[in-house]
Amino acid sequence: MEQLTRFEQVEKDATTNGALTRAHEALRDAKRIPFWIDQFGRDQATEELTHHATTDLLVVGGGYCGLWTALRAKQRYPKLEVTLIEAKEIAWAASGRNGGFCEPSLTHGRANAAIHIPESERKYVEELGETNLEELLQTLEELQIECDIQPHGVIKLATEPHQAEIIHNLASTDDTITQLEGQELYKQVATQAAPIGAWAQAEGVLLNPVKLANGLREACESLGVTIYEHTPATKLHPVTDGVAVSTPKATILAQRVALATNGFPSLLKRTRLHTVPVYDYAIVTEPLTKEQRASLNWELEQGVTDMNSKFHYMRVLTDNQGKQRILLGGYDAKYHPGRKIKPQYETSEETFTRLAIHLEEFFPQLRGIKISHAWGGMIDTCTRFFPFFTQSHANKVAAAAGFTGLGVAATRFAADVLLDLLYNEKTQRVGTTLVKKMPLPFPPEPFLWPSIAFTTHQMVRSDRRGGKKGPWLWLLEKLKLGFDS
């Protein structure tokens, strides 16, 4: 038997109880740009490349993966000449638009690892993720990169009755997870949307995404990395001494090339079917009053998510004036036919309205609060939900992609893998299934769009049926295929 989920019912009631009108009013003056970039972005970009150049290592892409690759290259091989090029500006895409959830898992969680990673490797891969996050935080401390780290993990909410059993199972099988019910949950985060939750205290940290990117950029430059912005790479050409990389105004001759271009069309045509661009959206409130802030409890400022297939994520954040606000994102994950990536997709008034209505459901004590920022951004989804790696041009080129919304920490791990591959370092990590095996590709159009639409419908139907997956989702799991943000 199907019944509307909590949030579907909330939307249905919104036209009669005034929530829809309040959502439109809340969003009326919101900036349709990313909060992080608006508040913490740099004033001026570096120059574009206009002259032919040579380098030992060329990194293509100025998001987290590219920045970490350049930084780790200089840390591991100090004498290496490293150049980074970015098509627009550093961290303008996913790295400047995400929620700032920095998690240890490299596999989108244990349940997903159980599908894609052999049992003999799972413990090691899990340890790789934990070590990666520890080293990431250590690096930030050593380089004095201040990015507002909140170290208290994530609270997962059961907003539907059937999800209570999932919470029980999580808490009973993992001693780092604490079950919270009733007042115990309310004391941690005063939400009306769930009677029970699980506090995963070891599930990473929260941080300021743009402060992290700015800090990594400064660290790269301090170590001698040359950075050019507004310099897209358009083509790779094999040459005797390495790889020639074309840009609009010049060519770069590099001995090695690391591709870190997220979900944008890959310079390696062989991997173009392995990712699809999916748009995710978020809103941020105006600064909270003292009374509003006190009404939320939430003193440890954990990240908060729910257990739905169409899930939300939320957090407390601090703006550039030291005032606190609430970020709510997720729920909708939009794919546009033809794998299209366009600036207009970064805005979805329908989704912004939906999130504003849902915010009131989570926190009715904030009713009437205005939204200051509303934006979207592209995620590079792959069928297994965690990054994959590939090489080309006689192993002089290596690429990483497919982070599927969990790239804040995993990009650092990916950077080390790319360097291992490019410089033939026989590390244990490059021998894992995580690195050696590619995910199955998505189908080409015109088959992709209806496949994703139908899968999304079945995910929603599963939530309506108390978590029962149905034959289509069961088949996809058996085939090790999926769609997520």
Protein backbone atom coordinates (compact mmCIF):
# COMPACT_ATOMS: atom_id res chain seq x y z
CA MET A 1 0.00 0.00 0.00
CA GLU A 2 1.31 3.42 -0.97
CA GLN A 3 0.84 6.60 1.00
CA LEU A 4 2.37 10.03 0.64
CA THR A 5 5.62 10.58 2.47
CA ARG A 6 5.76 13.19 5.20
CA PHE A 7 7.19 15.82 2.88
CA GLU A 8 4.83 15.03 0.02
CA GLN A 9 1.94 15.52 2.43
CA VAL A 10 3.47 18.79 3.64
CA GLU A 11 3.61 20.06 0.06
CA LYS A 12 0.04 18.96 -0.59
CA ASP A 13 -1.18 20.87 2.48
CA ALA A 14 0.93 23.96 1.72
CA THR A 15 -1.64 25.58 -0.56
CA THR A 16 -4.34 25.55 2.13
CA ASN A 17 -2.39 26.24 5.32
CA GLY A 18 -0.41 29.22 4.07
CA ALA A 19 2.98 27.46 3.85
CA LEU A 20 3.22 28.00 0.09
CA THR A 21 2.57 31.73 0.44
CA ARG A 22 5.11 31.97 3.26
CA ALA A 23 7.70 30.12 1.14
CA HIS A 24 7.26 32.51 -1.78
CA GLU A 25 7.59 35.49 0.55
CA ALA A 26 10.67 34.00 2.22
CA LEU A 27 12.38 33.57 -1.15
CA ARG A 28 11.34 36.88 -2.69
CA ASP A 29 14.60 38.75 -2.07
CA ALA A 30 16.99 35.79 -1.91
CA LYS A 31 20.14 35.98 -4.00
CA ARG A 32 20.23 33.21 -6.58
CA ILE A 33 23.95 32.63 -6.06
CA PRO A 34 25.92 30.30 -3.75
CA PHE A 35 26.12 31.59 -0.19
CA TRP A 36 29.71 30.45 0.25
CA ILE A 37 31.03 32.16 -2.87
CA ASP A 38 29.05 35.34 -2.17
CA GLN A 39 30.34 35.59 1.40
CA PHE A 40 33.85 34.15 1.17
CA GLY A 41 34.85 34.20 -2.50
CA ARG A 42 37.95 35.92 -3.80
CA ASP A 43 37.70 39.38 -5.36
CA GLN A 44 40.04 38.77 -8.26
CA ALA A 45 41.02 35.78 -10.39
CA THR A 46 44.54 35.05 -11.63
CA GLU A 47 45.46 35.71 -15.24
CA GLU A 48 44.60 33.30 -18.03
CA LEU A 49 47.27 31.47 -19.96
CA THR A 50 48.19 33.35 -23.14
CA HIS A 51 51.63 31.92 -23.93
CA HIS A 52 52.90 28.44 -24.71
CA ALA A 53 54.27 26.72 -21.62
CA THR A 54 55.94 23.55 -20.38
CA THR A 55 55.57 21.78 -17.06
CA ASP A 56 56.34 18.48 -15.37
CA LEU A 57 52.76 17.95 -14.15
CA LEU A 58 49.66 19.68 -15.47
CA VAL A 59 46.52 19.51 -13.35
CA VAL A 60 43.29 20.25 -15.22
CA GLY A 61 40.52 21.49 -12.94
CA GLY A 62 40.51 23.95 -10.05
CA GLY A 63 38.13 22.26 -7.64
CA TYR A 64 39.08 20.19 -4.61
CA CYS A 65 40.44 17.28 -6.64
CA GLY A 66 42.69 19.50 -8.74
CA LEU A 67 43.86 21.58 -5.77
CA TRP A 68 44.65 18.50 -3.67
CA THR A 69 46.48 16.90 -6.60
CA ALA A 70 48.67 19.96 -7.09
CA LEU A 71 49.31 20.30 -3.36
CA ARG A 72 50.07 16.62 -2.80
CA ALA A 73 52.36 16.61 -5.84
CA LYS A 74 54.50 19.38 -4.33
CA GLN A 75 54.46 17.69 -0.92
CA ARG A 76 55.43 14.29 -2.33
CA TYR A 77 57.79 15.47 -5.07
CA PRO A 78 59.04 18.94 -4.06
CA LYS A 79 61.22 19.44 -7.15
CA LEU A 80 58.33 18.81 -9.53
CA GLU A 81 57.16 21.76 -11.62
CA VAL A 82 53.37 21.82 -11.24
CA THR A 83 50.86 23.89 -13.21
CA LEU A 84 47.09 24.01 -12.65
CA ILE A 85 44.56 25.37 -15.12
CA GLU A 86 40.88 26.09 -14.44
CA ALA A 87 38.23 26.78 -17.07
CA LYS A 88 36.56 29.50 -15.00
CA GLU A 89 37.65 30.34 -11.44
CA ILE A 90 38.95 28.23 -8.57
CA ALA A 91 36.10 26.42 -6.74
CA TRP A 92 33.31 28.09 -8.75
CA ALA A 93 31.56 24.76 -9.36
CA ALA A 94 30.85 21.87 -6.96
CA SER A 95 33.66 22.78 -4.57
CA GLY A 96 32.07 26.17 -3.87
CA ARG A 97 28.44 25.03 -3.83
CA ASN A 98 28.28 22.01 -1.52
CA GLY A 99 27.04 21.76 2.06
CA GLY A 100 30.46 21.33 3.63
CA PHE A 101 29.94 17.73 4.82
CA CYS A 102 33.43 16.16 4.96
CA GLU A 103 33.02 12.42 5.56
CA PRO A 104 35.51 9.56 5.95
CA SER A 105 33.78 7.06 3.67
CA LEU A 106 35.31 6.59 0.22
CA THR A 107 32.46 4.30 -0.89
CA HIS A 108 29.28 6.26 -0.10
CA GLY A 109 28.83 4.28 3.10
CA ARG A 110 29.22 0.70 4.29
CA ALA A 111 26.03 -0.59 2.67
CA ASN A 112 27.20 0.59 -0.75
CA ALA A 113 30.68 -0.82 -0.14
CA ALA A 114 29.09 -4.21 0.51
CA ILE A 115 27.67 -4.14 -3.03
CA HIS A 116 30.82 -3.05 -4.86
CA ILE A 117 33.87 -3.95 -2.74
CA PRO A 118 34.90 -7.58 -2.06
CA GLU A 119 34.54 -8.57 1.57
CA SER A 120 38.28 -9.23 1.80
CA GLU A 121 39.00 -5.56 1.03
CA ARG A 122 36.27 -3.73 2.91
CA LYS A 123 38.07 -3.26 6.21
CA TYR A 124 41.15 -1.92 4.45
CA VAL A 125 39.11 0.44 2.25
CA GLU A 126 37.25 1.69 5.31
CA GLU A 127 40.57 2.31 7.06
CA LEU A 128 41.83 4.16 3.96
CA GLY A 129 38.91 6.56 4.27
CA GLU A 130 39.43 7.11 7.99
CA THR A 131 43.15 7.69 7.51
CA ASN A 132 42.47 10.05 4.61
CA LEU A 133 40.21 12.24 6.75
CA GLU A 134 42.70 12.23 9.63
CA GLU A 135 45.51 13.29 7.30
CA LEU A 136 43.29 15.90 5.67
CA LEU A 137 42.57 17.52 9.04
CA GLN A 138 46.24 17.25 9.99
CA THR A 139 47.23 19.01 6.77
CA LEU A 140 44.77 21.83 7.43
CA GLU A 141 46.26 22.28 10.89
CA GLU A 142 49.85 22.20 9.66
CA LEU A 143 49.14 24.69 6.86
CA GLN A 144 46.98 26.84 9.17
CA ILE A 145 44.00 26.64 6.84
CA GLU A 146 41.06 27.92 8.88
CA CYS A 147 37.75 26.67 7.53
CA ASP A 148 35.33 26.62 10.50
CA ILE A 149 35.57 22.90 11.28
CA GLN A 150 32.78 21.39 13.39
CA PRO A 151 33.92 17.89 14.52
CA HIS A 152 30.76 16.32 15.91
CA GLY A 153 29.53 14.07 13.11
CA VAL A 154 26.05 13.70 11.66
CA ILE A 155 22.57 13.05 13.05
CA LYS A 156 20.35 10.88 10.81
CA LEU A 157 16.61 11.42 11.20
CA ALA A 158 13.84 8.87 10.76
CA THR A 159 11.08 11.02 9.27
CA GLU A 160 9.02 7.99 8.17
CA PRO A 161 7.81 5.24 10.55
CA HIS A 162 9.60 2.39 8.78
CA GLN A 163 12.94 4.17 9.15
CA ALA A 164 12.94 3.62 12.93
CA GLU A 165 14.09 0.04 12.33
CA ILE A 166 17.01 1.30 10.26
CA ILE A 167 17.99 3.58 13.14
CA HIS A 168 17.82 0.66 15.60
CA ASN A 169 20.01 -1.47 13.34
CA LEU A 170 22.59 1.26 12.87
CA ALA A 171 22.91 1.88 16.61
CA SER A 172 23.03 -1.83 17.49
CA THR A 173 25.80 -2.68 15.01
CA ASP A 174 28.11 0.34 15.35
CA ASP A 175 29.36 1.54 18.72
CA THR A 176 30.15 5.00 17.26
CA ILE A 177 26.42 5.56 16.62
CA THR A 178 24.04 6.63 19.39
CA GLN A 179 20.28 6.23 19.09
CA LEU A 180 18.33 9.33 20.08
CA GLU A 181 14.62 9.34 20.85
CA GLY A 182 12.15 11.97 21.99
CA GLN A 183 13.76 14.52 24.29
CA GLU A 184 17.24 13.07 23.75
CA LEU A 185 16.95 13.94 20.07
CA TYR A 186 15.21 17.25 20.74
CA LYS A 187 18.05 18.35 23.02
CA GLN A 188 20.54 17.81 20.20
CA VAL A 189 18.46 19.36 17.42
CA ALA A 190 14.97 20.70 18.09
CA THR A 191 13.21 19.40 14.99
CA GLN A 192 9.55 18.46 14.82
CA ALA A 193 10.02 16.23 11.76
CA ALA A 194 11.33 13.06 13.43
CA PRO A 195 10.78 11.29 16.77
CA ILE A 196 13.94 9.21 16.50
CA GLY A 197 17.43 9.63 15.10
CA ALA A 198 20.95 8.21 15.09
CA TRP A 199 23.95 10.33 16.00
CA ALA A 200 26.92 9.07 13.97
CA GLN A 201 29.70 10.78 15.89
CA ALA A 202 32.49 9.38 13.72
CA GLU A 203 30.87 10.35 10.41
CA GLY A 204 33.16 13.22 9.60
CA VAL A 205 33.21 16.95 10.16
CA LEU A 206 31.55 20.03 8.76
CA LEU A 207 33.53 22.89 7.26
CA ASN A 208 33.31 26.02 5.13
CA PRO A 209 33.77 24.83 1.52
CA VAL A 210 35.12 28.06 0.04
CA LYS A 211 37.47 28.73 2.94
CA LEU A 212 38.87 25.26 2.34
CA ALA A 213 39.33 25.94 -1.38
CA ASN A 214 40.92 29.33 -0.72
CA GLY A 215 43.30 27.78 1.79
CA LEU A 216 44.31 24.99 -0.57
CA ARG A 217 44.90 27.48 -3.34
CA GLU A 218 47.14 29.65 -1.14
CA ALA A 219 49.05 26.57 0.02
CA CYS A 220 49.60 25.49 -3.59
CA GLU A 221 50.91 28.90 -4.58
CA SER A 222 53.18 29.06 -1.53
CA LEU A 223 54.78 25.78 -2.65
CA GLY A 224 55.34 27.08 -6.16
CA VAL A 225 52.33 25.79 -8.10
CA THR A 226 51.54 28.01 -11.10
CA ILE A 227 47.79 28.63 -11.49
CA TYR A 228 45.93 29.97 -14.51
CA GLU A 229 42.19 30.67 -14.40
CA HIS A 230 39.81 31.19 -17.33
CA THR A 231 41.93 28.63 -19.18
CA PRO A 232 39.89 25.59 -20.26
CA ALA A 233 41.66 22.53 -21.63
CA THR A 234 40.12 21.61 -24.98
CA LYS A 235 42.13 18.65 -26.27
CA LEU A 236 44.94 16.23 -25.45
CA HIS A 237 47.62 15.38 -28.04
CA PRO A 238 50.24 12.66 -27.50
CA VAL A 239 53.77 13.86 -28.20
CA THR A 240 57.21 12.29 -27.80
CA ASP A 241 58.04 13.92 -24.49
CA GLY A 242 54.60 13.75 -22.89
CA VAL A 243 51.21 15.25 -23.66
CA ALA A 244 50.32 18.52 -25.38
CA VAL A 245 47.22 20.13 -23.90
CA SER A 246 45.38 22.70 -26.00
CA THR A 247 43.75 25.78 -24.47
CA PRO A 248 42.03 28.65 -26.33
CA LYS A 249 45.15 30.84 -26.52
CA ALA A 250 48.11 28.53 -25.93
CA THR A 251 49.40 24.98 -25.68
CA ILE A 252 50.96 23.40 -22.62
CA LEU A 253 53.50 20.61 -23.02
CA ALA A 254 53.41 18.42 -19.90
CA GLN A 255 55.25 15.24 -18.98
CA ARG A 256 52.19 14.09 -17.00
CA VAL A 257 48.55 15.25 -16.87
CA ALA A 258 45.99 14.79 -14.07
CA LEU A 259 42.37 15.34 -15.10
CA ALA A 260 40.10 16.58 -12.30
CA THR A 261 37.13 17.94 -14.23
CA ASN A 262 34.26 16.55 -12.12
CA GLY A 263 31.09 15.93 -14.15
CA PHE A 264 32.03 18.13 -17.08
CA PRO A 265 32.59 16.32 -20.40
CA SER A 266 35.79 14.36 -20.02
CA LEU A 267 38.76 14.95 -22.30
CA LEU A 268 38.89 11.14 -22.40
CA LYS A 269 35.97 10.12 -24.59
CA ARG A 270 36.10 6.56 -23.25
CA THR A 271 34.75 7.71 -19.86
CA ARG A 272 32.04 10.11 -21.01
CA LEU A 273 29.26 7.59 -20.40
CA HIS A 274 30.50 6.84 -16.89
CA THR A 275 29.10 10.00 -15.28
CA VAL A 276 25.95 12.06 -15.57
CA PRO A 277 25.57 15.66 -14.36
CA VAL A 278 22.90 15.89 -11.66
CA TYR A 279 21.81 19.20 -10.15
CA ASP A 280 21.40 19.57 -6.39
CA TYR A 281 19.97 22.66 -4.64
CA ALA A 282 20.24 24.47 -1.31
CA ILE A 283 18.88 27.47 0.57
CA VAL A 284 20.35 29.50 3.43
CA THR A 285 18.38 31.61 5.89
CA GLU A 286 18.99 35.17 6.94
CA PRO A 287 20.97 35.49 10.21
CA LEU A 288 19.17 33.92 13.16
CA THR A 289 18.07 36.08 16.08
CA LYS A 290 19.18 35.03 19.55
CA GLU A 291 15.72 33.70 20.23
CA GLN A 292 15.61 31.71 17.00
CA ARG A 293 19.06 30.25 17.61
CA ALA A 294 18.17 29.26 21.16
CA SER A 295 14.97 27.57 19.99
CA LEU A 296 16.95 25.10 17.87
CA ASN A 297 19.19 23.73 20.66
CA TRP A 298 21.81 22.20 18.27
CA GLU A 299 24.73 23.40 20.41
CA LEU A 300 27.25 20.97 18.87
CA GLU A 301 26.23 21.98 15.35
CA GLN A 302 26.25 18.45 13.94
CA GLY A 303 25.28 17.89 10.36
CA VAL A 304 21.73 16.55 9.98
CA THR A 305 20.32 14.33 7.23
CA ASP A 306 17.25 12.13 6.89
CA MET A 307 16.84 8.52 5.76
CA ASN A 308 14.69 9.10 2.65
CA SER A 309 15.69 8.13 -0.88
CA LYS A 310 15.08 11.81 -1.66
CA PHE A 311 17.08 13.01 1.31
CA HIS A 312 17.73 16.39 2.91
CA TYR A 313 20.93 17.65 4.50
CA MET A 314 21.13 20.62 6.85
CA ARG A 315 23.50 22.40 9.16
CA VAL A 316 24.24 25.53 11.16
CA LEU A 317 26.78 27.79 9.51
CA THR A 318 28.52 31.06 10.33
CA ASP A 319 28.55 33.96 7.89
CA ASN A 320 31.31 36.52 7.29
CA GLN A 321 29.93 38.73 10.07
CA GLY A 322 30.07 35.93 12.64
CA LYS A 323 26.28 35.42 12.62
CA GLN A 324 24.65 32.02 12.40
CA ARG A 325 22.24 30.78 9.76
CA ILE A 326 20.67 27.49 8.65
CA LEU A 327 21.44 25.69 5.40
CA LEU A 328 18.95 23.17 4.00
CA GLY A 329 19.69 21.30 0.79
CA GLY A 330 19.01 18.15 -1.16
CA TYR A 331 15.70 16.35 -1.80
CA ASP A 332 15.50 17.06 -5.53
CA ALA A 333 18.24 15.68 -7.78
CA LYS A 334 17.63 16.86 -11.34
CA TYR A 335 19.05 15.37 -14.49
CA HIS A 336 18.50 17.23 -17.75
CA PRO A 337 18.17 15.20 -20.99
CA GLY A 338 21.27 14.95 -23.11
CA ARG A 339 23.72 15.25 -20.19
CA LYS A 340 23.36 19.01 -20.55
CA ILE A 341 25.19 21.44 -18.27
CA LYS A 342 23.85 24.98 -18.39
CA PRO A 343 23.97 28.01 -16.05
CA GLN A 344 20.17 28.22 -16.01
CA TYR A 345 20.03 24.78 -14.38
CA GLU A 346 21.68 26.29 -11.27
CA THR A 347 18.32 27.86 -10.44
CA SER A 348 15.11 25.91 -9.79
CA GLU A 349 12.34 28.02 -8.31
CA GLU A 350 10.23 24.89 -7.87
CA THR A 351 12.92 23.26 -5.74
CA PHE A 352 13.68 26.44 -3.78
CA THR A 353 9.99 26.73 -2.89
CA ARG A 354 9.88 23.07 -1.92
CA LEU A 355 12.92 23.46 0.36
CA ALA A 356 11.45 26.56 2.01
CA ILE A 357 8.25 24.62 2.77
CA HIS A 358 10.27 21.70 4.13
CA LEU A 359 12.36 24.03 6.31
CA GLU A 360 9.18 25.06 8.10
CA GLU A 361 8.29 21.40 8.61
CA PHE A 362 11.68 20.67 10.17
CA PHE A 363 11.66 23.83 12.28
CA PRO A 364 8.21 25.40 12.75
CA GLN A 365 9.82 27.71 15.33
CA LEU A 366 11.50 29.46 12.37
CA ARG A 367 8.23 30.20 10.59
CA GLY A 368 8.47 33.53 8.81
CA ILE A 369 12.26 33.56 8.50
CA LYS A 370 13.59 34.94 5.21
CA ILE A 371 15.91 33.10 2.81
CA SER A 372 19.06 35.03 1.88
CA HIS A 373 20.57 32.67 -0.71
CA ALA A 374 19.22 29.95 -3.01
CA TRP A 375 21.36 28.12 -5.56
CA GLY A 376 22.13 24.88 -7.33
CA GLY A 377 25.16 23.05 -8.56
CA MET A 378 26.19 20.04 -10.61
CA ILE A 379 27.25 16.71 -9.10
CA ASP A 380 29.13 14.05 -11.09
CA THR A 381 27.11 10.91 -10.41
CA CYS A 382 28.36 7.47 -11.40
CA THR A 383 26.56 4.13 -11.16
CA ARG A 384 28.42 2.95 -8.06
CA PHE A 385 28.30 6.31 -6.19
CA PHE A 386 32.05 6.64 -5.51
CA PRO A 387 35.02 7.76 -7.62
CA PHE A 388 36.69 5.79 -10.36
CA PHE A 389 40.09 6.15 -11.97
CA THR A 390 41.46 5.66 -15.47
CA GLN A 391 44.67 6.16 -17.43
CA SER A 392 45.50 6.91 -21.06
CA HIS A 393 48.25 8.16 -23.37
CA ALA A 394 50.75 5.47 -22.31
CA ASN A 395 49.83 6.14 -18.66
CA LYS A 396 50.96 9.77 -18.90
CA VAL A 397 47.37 10.91 -18.27
CA ALA A 398 45.26 9.90 -15.26
CA ALA A 399 41.72 10.95 -14.42
CA ALA A 400 39.35 10.75 -11.46
CA ALA A 401 35.59 11.36 -11.50
CA GLY A 402 32.27 10.08 -10.14
CA PHE A 403 32.40 11.42 -6.57
CA THR A 404 28.57 11.58 -6.39
CA GLY A 405 28.21 14.28 -3.77
CA LEU A 406 30.86 12.99 -1.35
CA GLY A 407 33.97 14.64 -2.72
CA VAL A 408 34.99 17.03 0.04
CA ALA A 409 37.27 14.45 1.67
CA ALA A 410 37.45 11.78 -1.05
CA THR A 411 39.12 14.18 -3.49
CA ARG A 412 42.23 14.19 -1.31
CA PHE A 413 42.42 10.41 -1.52
CA ALA A 414 41.83 10.64 -5.26
CA ALA A 415 44.73 13.06 -5.58
CA ASP A 416 47.14 10.55 -4.08
CA VAL A 417 45.79 7.79 -6.32
CA LEU A 418 46.28 9.97 -9.41
CA LEU A 419 49.88 10.62 -8.42
CA ASP A 420 50.46 6.93 -7.69
CA LEU A 421 49.19 6.07 -11.17
CA LEU A 422 51.10 8.81 -12.97
CA TYR A 423 54.41 8.09 -11.24
CA ASN A 424 54.01 4.31 -11.09
CA GLU A 425 54.01 4.10 -7.31
CA LYS A 426 53.05 0.52 -6.38
CA THR A 427 51.05 1.42 -3.28
CA GLN A 428 48.57 -0.94 -1.68
CA ARG A 429 45.68 1.43 -2.39
CA VAL A 430 46.11 1.27 -6.17
CA GLY A 431 45.70 -2.50 -5.99
CA THR A 432 42.20 -2.28 -4.53
CA THR A 433 38.97 -2.84 -6.41
CA LEU A 434 38.10 0.77 -5.60
CA VAL A 435 40.92 1.91 -7.89
CA LYS A 436 41.30 -0.95 -10.37
CA LYS A 437 37.68 -1.54 -11.32
CA MET A 438 35.53 0.86 -13.35
CA PRO A 439 31.83 1.28 -12.64
CA LEU A 440 29.35 0.26 -15.30
CA PRO A 441 28.54 3.15 -17.65
CA PHE A 442 25.15 4.78 -17.90
CA PRO A 443 23.26 4.09 -21.13
CA PRO A 444 23.52 6.70 -23.89
CA GLU A 445 20.63 8.94 -24.85
CA PRO A 446 17.84 8.57 -25.81
CA PHE A 447 17.72 5.71 -23.28
CA LEU A 448 19.31 7.54 -20.33
CA TRP A 449 16.63 10.15 -19.65
CA PRO A 450 13.68 7.72 -19.33
CA SER A 451 15.83 5.31 -17.32
CA ILE A 452 16.73 7.97 -14.74
CA ALA A 453 13.15 9.28 -14.64
CA PHE A 454 11.78 5.80 -14.02
CA THR A 455 14.43 5.00 -11.40
CA THR A 456 13.69 8.24 -9.55
CA HIS A 457 9.98 7.40 -9.60
CA GLN A 458 10.70 3.95 -8.16
CA MET A 459 12.85 5.46 -5.39
CA VAL A 460 9.96 7.73 -4.39
CA ARG A 461 7.57 4.80 -4.59
CA SER A 462 9.85 2.85 -2.25
CA ASP A 463 9.59 5.61 0.36
CA ARG A 464 5.81 5.57 -0.02
CA ARG A 465 5.73 1.79 0.49
CA GLY A 466 7.61 1.73 3.76
CA GLY A 467 11.01 1.16 2.17
CA LYS A 468 10.03 -1.79 -0.02
CA LYS A 469 12.19 -1.53 -3.13
CA GLY A 470 10.21 -3.35 -5.79
CA PRO A 471 11.60 -5.40 -8.69
CA TRP A 472 13.26 -2.53 -10.61
CA LEU A 473 15.40 -1.28 -7.72
CA TRP A 474 16.13 -4.89 -6.74
CA LEU A 475 17.35 -5.58 -10.27
CA LEU A 476 19.55 -2.48 -10.35
CA GLU A 477 21.16 -3.50 -7.07
CA LYS A 478 21.88 -6.99 -8.41
CA LEU A 479 23.40 -5.43 -11.53
CA LYS A 480 25.40 -3.01 -9.33
CA LEU A 481 23.77 -0.02 -10.98
CA GLY A 482 22.27 3.02 -9.32
CA PHE A 483 21.38 6.69 -9.45
CA ASP A 484 21.97 9.08 -6.57
CA SER A 485 23.20 12.56 -5.65
